[in-house]
Each structure stands twice: as C-alpha cells, then as structure tokens.
C-alpha cells in the first residue's frame, strides 16, 4: 500500500492541488460574491425595516395626535355641557324662588278675597232695611 501511494504520489498531489485550486477559485469567484450579495441584501433589508419602523412610528404619532385632538374636543364638550347644566340649574333655582313667591302671593290674594267677601257681606247687611 505504501509503495502504491509512493508510485501515485504525483497524481494524488495533482488531483489534491486541482481540487484545492478549484475550491480556491470557487471561494474567490462564487462564494465571495455570494457572501457580498447576501451582506448587501441584509443591509438592504435592515434599511427597509428601519424605513418601515420610521413609517410605522410616524403613523402611530399621527394617530396619537388625532386621539389627543379628540380628547381635547371631548374635554371642551364636557366643559360646555357642564356650563349648560349650571345655567339650567341656575334658571331652575330662580324658577323655584319665583314659584315660592307666587304661592305666597296666591295665599295673600286668597286671604284678601276672603276679607273682601266679609266686607261685602257687612256692607250688604248694613244697606239692608
């Protein structure tokens, strides 16, 4: 076996060298450019993801601004509604006071009518023969 290897050492060396040269050529002309293209694709994808993240963040910021505007509108409407309720409560308070005054006046009118009736009766009895 050892003599067989010695006899064919040149052929084995040539085949091994050819394979090594082929692998080196493949590394330089095929694998290297492929790795560079993969790296470029990865950088491109990273850039696209960054751009997408920026776009998504801008959209979220825009939505946040819209929500803040809606919150402000709701707050403004809430203040306006509260002002309206306060105005209605004040009007109702005034109406209650006016109703109490009307009841008091109504009682006075009723008493006055009763007194007028008594005076009429007295006048009629005085005028009667």
C-alpha atoms as a PDB file:
ATOM      1  CA  UNK A   1       0.000   0.000   0.000  1.00  0.00           C
ATOM      2  CA  UNK A   2       2.799   2.373   0.887  1.00  0.00           C
ATOM      3  CA  UNK A   3       4.538   1.693  -2.388  1.00  0.00           C
ATOM      4  CA  UNK A   4       1.307   2.208  -4.273  1.00  0.00           C
ATOM      5  CA  UNK A   5       0.965   5.677  -2.644  1.00  0.00           C
ATOM      6  CA  UNK A   6       4.597   6.466  -3.497  1.00  0.00           C
ATOM      7  CA  UNK A   7       4.028   5.472  -7.114  1.00  0.00           C
ATOM      8  CA  UNK A   8       0.967   7.602  -7.443  1.00  0.00           C
ATOM      9  CA  UNK A   9       2.014  10.487  -5.209  1.00  0.00           C
ATOM     10  CA  UNK A  10       2.357  12.835  -8.180  1.00  0.00           C
ATOM     11  CA  UNK A  11      -1.142  12.003  -9.425  1.00  0.00           C
ATOM     12  CA  UNK A  12      -2.612  12.243  -5.925  1.00  0.00           C
ATOM     13  CA  UNK A  13      -0.799  15.546  -5.374  1.00  0.00           C
ATOM     14  CA  UNK A  14      -2.004  16.855  -8.733  1.00  0.00           C
ATOM     15  CA  UNK A  15      -5.614  15.811  -8.018  1.00  0.00           C
ATOM     16  CA  UNK A  16      -5.433  17.334  -4.497  1.00  0.00           C
ATOM     17  CA  UNK A  17      -3.875  20.510  -5.897  1.00  0.00           C
ATOM     18  CA  UNK A  18      -6.517  20.670  -8.610  1.00  0.00           C
ATOM     19  CA  UNK A  19      -9.269  20.220  -6.012  1.00  0.00           C
ATOM     20  CA  UNK A  20      -7.645  22.874  -3.783  1.00  0.00           C
ATOM     21  CA  UNK A  21      -7.308  25.221  -6.766  1.00  0.00           C
ATOM     22  CA  UNK A  22     -10.933  24.552  -7.726  1.00  0.00           C
ATOM     23  CA  UNK A  23     -12.056  25.260  -4.140  1.00  0.00           C
ATOM     24  CA  UNK A  24      -9.957  28.445  -4.095  1.00  0.00           C
ATOM     25  CA  UNK A  25     -11.404  29.594  -7.409  1.00  0.00           C
ATOM     26  CA  UNK A  26     -14.919  28.803  -6.160  1.00  0.00           C
ATOM     27  CA  UNK A  27     -14.197  30.743  -2.965  1.00  0.00           C
ATOM     28  CA  UNK A  28     -12.908  33.786  -4.825  1.00  0.00           C
ATOM     29  CA  UNK A  29     -15.318  33.892  -7.757  1.00  0.00           C
ATOM     30  CA  UNK A  30     -18.519  32.280  -6.419  1.00  0.00           C
ATOM     31  CA  UNK A  31     -18.709  32.155  -2.631  1.00  0.00           C
ATOM     32  CA  UNK A  32     -17.145  35.577  -2.028  1.00  0.00           C
ATOM     33  CA  UNK A  33     -19.526  37.452  -4.359  1.00  0.00           C
ATOM     34  CA  UNK A  34     -22.447  35.472  -2.978  1.00  0.00           C
ATOM     35  CA  UNK A  35     -21.458  36.448   0.556  1.00  0.00           C
ATOM     36  CA  UNK A  36     -21.138  40.068  -0.528  1.00  0.00           C
ATOM     37  CA  UNK A  37     -24.579  39.907  -2.157  1.00  0.00           C
ATOM     38  CA  UNK A  38     -26.068  38.319   0.958  1.00  0.00           C
ATOM     39  CA  UNK A  39     -24.473  41.023   3.081  1.00  0.00           C
ATOM     40  CA  UNK A  40     -25.833  43.693   0.736  1.00  0.00           C
ATOM     41  CA  UNK A  41     -29.269  42.086   0.876  1.00  0.00           C
ATOM     42  CA  UNK A  42     -29.092  42.001   4.651  1.00  0.00           C
ATOM     43  CA  UNK A  43     -28.110  45.684   4.771  1.00  0.00           C
ATOM     44  CA  UNK A  44     -30.894  46.483   2.321  1.00  0.00           C
ATOM     45  CA  UNK A  45     -33.414  44.568   4.422  1.00  0.00           C
ATOM     46  CA  UNK A  46     -32.181  46.286   7.578  1.00  0.00           C
ATOM     47  CA  UNK A  47     -32.610  49.637   5.844  1.00  0.00           C
ATOM     48  CA  UNK A  48     -36.098  48.683   4.680  1.00  0.00           C
ATOM     49  CA  UNK A  49     -37.026  47.544   8.194  1.00  0.00           C
ATOM     50  CA  UNK A  50     -35.689  50.818   9.578  1.00  0.00           C
ATOM     51  CA  UNK A  51     -37.696  52.742   6.991  1.00  0.00           C
ATOM     52  CA  UNK A  52     -40.780  50.696   7.849  1.00  0.00           C
ATOM     53  CA  UNK A  53     -40.214  51.345  11.559  1.00  0.00           C
ATOM     54  CA  UNK A  54     -39.950  55.075  10.864  1.00  0.00           C
ATOM     55  CA  UNK A  55     -43.120  54.963   8.779  1.00  0.00           C
ATOM     56  CA  UNK A  56     -44.973  52.974  11.428  1.00  0.00           C
ATOM     57  CA  UNK A  57     -43.758  55.329  14.154  1.00  0.00           C
ATOM     58  CA  UNK A  58     -44.934  58.309  12.101  1.00  0.00           C
ATOM     59  CA  UNK A  59     -48.337  56.675  11.698  1.00  0.00           C
ATOM     60  CA  UNK A  60     -48.562  55.973  15.419  1.00  0.00           C
ATOM     61  CA  UNK A  61     -47.566  59.569  16.161  1.00  0.00           C
ATOM     62  CA  UNK A  62     -50.256  60.812  13.787  1.00  0.00           C
ATOM     63  CA  UNK A  63     -52.820  58.565  15.467  1.00  0.00           C
ATOM     64  CA  UNK A  64     -51.699  59.790  18.896  1.00  0.00           C
ATOM     65  CA  UNK A  65     -52.179  63.378  17.746  1.00  0.00           C
ATOM     66  CA  UNK A  66     -55.646  62.548  16.463  1.00  0.00           C
ATOM     67  CA  UNK A  67     -56.535  60.885  19.757  1.00  0.00           C
ATOM     68  CA  UNK A  68     -55.237  63.907  21.666  1.00  0.00           C
ATOM     69  CA  UNK A  69     -57.331  66.186  19.453  1.00  0.00           C
ATOM     70  CA  UNK A  70     -60.377  64.010  20.093  1.00  0.00           C
ATOM     71  CA  UNK A  71     -59.671  64.046  23.830  1.00  0.00           C
ATOM     72  CA  UNK A  72     -59.436  67.831  23.697  1.00  0.00           C
ATOM     73  CA  UNK A  73     -62.735  68.020  21.839  1.00  0.00           C
ATOM     74  CA  UNK A  74     -64.369  65.745  24.414  1.00  0.00           C
ATOM     75  CA  UNK A  75     -62.943  67.875  27.225  1.00  0.00           C
ATOM     76  CA  UNK A  76     -64.230  71.033  25.544  1.00  0.00           C
ATOM     77  CA  UNK A  77     -67.645  69.461  25.021  1.00  0.00           C
ATOM     78  CA  UNK A  78     -67.680  68.295  28.634  1.00  0.00           C
ATOM     79  CA  UNK A  79     -66.915  71.846  29.821  1.00  0.00           C
ATOM     80  CA  UNK A  80     -69.613  73.254  27.552  1.00  0.00           C
ATOM     81  CA  UNK A  81     -72.162  70.701  28.773  1.00  0.00           C
ATOM     82  CA  UNK A  82     -71.262  71.432  32.392  1.00  0.00           C
ATOM     83  CA  UNK A  83     -71.710  75.156  31.754  1.00  0.00           C
ATOM     84  CA  UNK A  84     -75.094  74.488  30.185  1.00  0.00           C
ATOM     85  CA  UNK A  85     -76.158  72.323  33.137  1.00  0.00           C
ATOM     86  CA  UNK A  86     -75.017  75.028  35.552  1.00  0.00           C
ATOM     87  CA  UNK A  87     -77.047  77.608  33.627  1.00  0.00           C
ATOM     88  CA  UNK A  88     -80.107  75.325  33.690  1.00  0.00           C
ATOM     89  CA  UNK A  89     -79.658  74.743  37.416  1.00  0.00           C
ATOM     90  CA  UNK A  90     -79.490  78.499  38.000  1.00  0.00           C
ATOM     91  CA  UNK A  91     -82.645  79.019  35.957  1.00  0.00           C
ATOM     92  CA  UNK A  92     -84.405  76.250  37.870  1.00  0.00           C
ATOM     93  CA  UNK A  93     -83.289  77.857  41.133  1.00  0.00           C
ATOM     94  CA  UNK A  94     -84.725  81.199  40.025  1.00  0.00           C
ATOM     95  CA  UNK A  95     -87.928  79.494  38.905  1.00  0.00           C
ATOM     96  CA  UNK A  96     -88.243  77.773  42.290  1.00  0.00           C
ATOM     97  CA  UNK A  97     -87.831  81.125  44.019  1.00  0.00           C
ATOM     98  CA  UNK A  98     -90.404  82.691  41.698  1.00  0.00           C
ATOM     99  CA  UNK A  99     -92.805  79.795  42.328  1.00  0.00           C
ATOM    100  CA  UNK A 100     -92.427  80.235  46.067  1.00  0.00           C
ATOM    101  CA  UNK A 101     -93.168  83.950  45.659  1.00  0.00           C
ATOM    102  CA  UNK A 102     -96.207  83.128  43.516  1.00  0.00           C
ATOM    103  CA  UNK A 103     -97.508  80.725  46.160  1.00  0.00           C
ATOM    104  CA  UNK A 104     -97.049  83.400  48.804  1.00  0.00           C
ATOM    105  CA  UNK A 105     -98.855  85.932  46.605  1.00  0.00           C
ATOM    106  CA  UNK A 106    -101.583  83.421  45.862  1.00  0.00           C
ATOM    107  CA  UNK A 107    -102.111  82.883  49.596  1.00  0.00           C
ATOM    108  CA  UNK A 108    -102.276  86.666  50.112  1.00  0.00           C
ATOM    109  CA  UNK A 109    -104.750  87.042  47.235  1.00  0.00           C
ATOM    110  CA  UNK A 110    -106.899  84.285  48.716  1.00  0.00           C
ATOM    111  CA  UNK A 111    -106.883  85.995  52.118  1.00  0.00           C
ATOM    112  CA  UNK A 112    -107.649  89.343  50.530  1.00  0.00           C
ATOM    113  CA  UNK A 113    -110.538  87.808  48.590  1.00  0.00           C
ATOM    114  CA  UNK A 114    -111.863  86.337  51.825  1.00  0.00           C
ATOM    115  CA  UNK A 115    -111.587  89.704  53.526  1.00  0.00           C
ATOM    116  CA  UNK A 116    -113.313  91.410  50.569  1.00  0.00           C
ATOM    117  CA  UNK A 117    -116.142  88.877  50.815  1.00  0.00           C
ATOM    118  CA  UNK A 118    -116.523  89.582  54.544  1.00  0.00           C
ATOM    119  CA  UNK A 119    -116.545  93.346  53.877  1.00  0.00           C
ATOM    120  CA  UNK A 120    -119.198  92.886  51.133  1.00  0.00           C
ATOM    121  CA  UNK A 121    -121.356  90.879  53.456  1.00  0.00           C
ATOM    122  CA  UNK A 122    -121.022  93.534  56.121  1.00  0.00           C
ATOM    123  CA  UNK A 123    -121.899  96.223  53.603  1.00  0.00           C
ATOM    124  CA  UNK A 124    -124.899  94.311  52.389  1.00  0.00           C
ATOM    125  CA  UNK A 125    -126.206  93.804  55.913  1.00  0.00           C
ATOM    126  CA  UNK A 126    -125.651  97.473  56.657  1.00  0.00           C
ATOM    127  CA  UNK A 127    -127.511  98.541  53.490  1.00  0.00           C
ATOM    128  CA  UNK A 128    -130.372  96.182  54.120  1.00  0.00           C
ATOM    129  CA  UNK A 129    -133.514  97.768  55.715  1.00  0.00           C
END
